[in-house]
């Protein structure tokens, strides 16, 4: 979802089409990463998802050309039937 400005709408569509559960990973982009990326990107790592069963950060990856470390937020949501 780096390139999606309105992540909330994208997540609403994911809820709509999912059947049992949703796993979302969202990278926590630093200001430095956003500033140095070629096209506009957005940091949605702080979006609120109230019905998440699990929601935590892991060590994600390193932007090799800049040496910037990126954490990844992992979110697990079960659909309510």
Protein backbone atom coordinates (compact mmCIF):
# COMPACT_ATOMS: atom_id res chain seq x y z
CA UNK A 1 0.00 0.00 0.00
CA UNK A 2 2.99 2.30 -0.42
CA UNK A 3 1.39 4.02 -3.38
CA UNK A 4 -2.20 4.16 -2.08
CA UNK A 5 -3.05 7.49 -0.52
CA UNK A 6 -6.38 6.35 1.00
CA UNK A 7 -5.48 3.13 2.81
CA UNK A 8 -8.71 3.09 4.82
CA UNK A 9 -10.80 2.63 1.65
CA UNK A 10 -8.44 -0.12 0.44
CA UNK A 11 -8.80 -1.94 3.77
CA UNK A 12 -12.60 -1.62 3.62
CA UNK A 13 -12.52 -3.40 0.24
CA UNK A 14 -10.27 -6.11 1.69
CA UNK A 15 -12.84 -6.65 4.48
CA UNK A 16 -15.63 -6.80 1.90
CA UNK A 17 -14.03 -9.53 -0.22
CA UNK A 18 -12.44 -11.65 2.51
CA UNK A 19 -14.21 -14.78 3.67
CA UNK A 20 -12.58 -15.91 6.93
CA UNK A 21 -9.54 -13.85 7.87
CA UNK A 22 -7.21 -11.09 6.76
CA UNK A 23 -3.46 -10.81 7.21
CA UNK A 24 -2.02 -7.41 6.40
CA UNK A 25 1.58 -6.31 6.53
CA UNK A 26 2.29 -2.60 6.46
CA UNK A 27 5.81 -1.23 6.41
CA UNK A 28 6.62 1.66 8.73
CA UNK A 29 8.24 4.09 6.30
CA UNK A 30 10.63 6.65 7.72
CA UNK A 31 10.59 10.30 6.64
CA UNK A 32 14.00 9.72 5.07
CA UNK A 33 12.69 6.79 3.00
CA UNK A 34 9.64 8.77 1.85
CA UNK A 35 11.80 11.77 0.93
CA UNK A 36 14.33 9.65 -1.04
CA UNK A 37 11.84 7.43 -2.93
CA UNK A 38 11.40 8.17 -6.64
CA UNK A 39 7.57 8.44 -6.61
CA UNK A 40 5.19 9.52 -3.82
CA UNK A 41 4.72 6.86 -1.11
CA UNK A 42 2.64 6.89 2.08
CA UNK A 43 3.22 5.57 5.61
CA UNK A 44 0.05 3.84 6.82
CA UNK A 45 1.70 1.99 9.69
CA UNK A 46 -0.27 3.93 12.30
CA UNK A 47 -3.74 3.26 10.86
CA UNK A 48 -6.24 2.16 13.52
CA UNK A 49 -7.86 -1.27 13.13
CA UNK A 50 -10.00 -1.92 16.19
CA UNK A 51 -10.95 -5.53 15.49
CA UNK A 52 -7.41 -6.89 15.02
CA UNK A 53 -6.75 -10.09 16.97
CA UNK A 54 -3.00 -9.68 16.61
CA UNK A 55 -1.17 -6.46 15.81
CA UNK A 56 2.60 -6.14 16.24
CA UNK A 57 5.82 -4.95 14.60
CA UNK A 58 8.62 -7.19 13.36
CA UNK A 59 12.02 -6.42 11.91
CA UNK A 60 11.15 -5.89 8.27
CA UNK A 61 13.91 -5.16 5.80
CA UNK A 62 16.67 -2.71 4.91
CA UNK A 63 16.47 -0.28 2.00
CA UNK A 64 19.86 -1.32 0.68
CA UNK A 65 20.76 1.72 -1.40
CA UNK A 66 20.06 4.07 1.54
CA UNK A 67 20.81 1.77 4.49
CA UNK A 68 17.42 2.64 6.03
CA UNK A 69 15.92 -0.03 8.33
CA UNK A 70 12.17 -0.58 7.90
CA UNK A 71 9.91 -2.21 10.50
CA UNK A 72 6.83 -4.13 9.33
CA UNK A 73 3.49 -4.11 11.15
CA UNK A 74 1.70 -7.47 11.02
CA UNK A 75 -2.08 -7.44 11.53
CA UNK A 76 -4.42 -10.45 11.79
CA UNK A 77 -8.19 -9.99 11.66
CA UNK A 78 -10.88 -12.69 11.67
CA UNK A 79 -14.09 -11.98 9.82
CA UNK A 80 -17.28 -11.84 11.87
CA UNK A 81 -19.93 -14.07 10.33
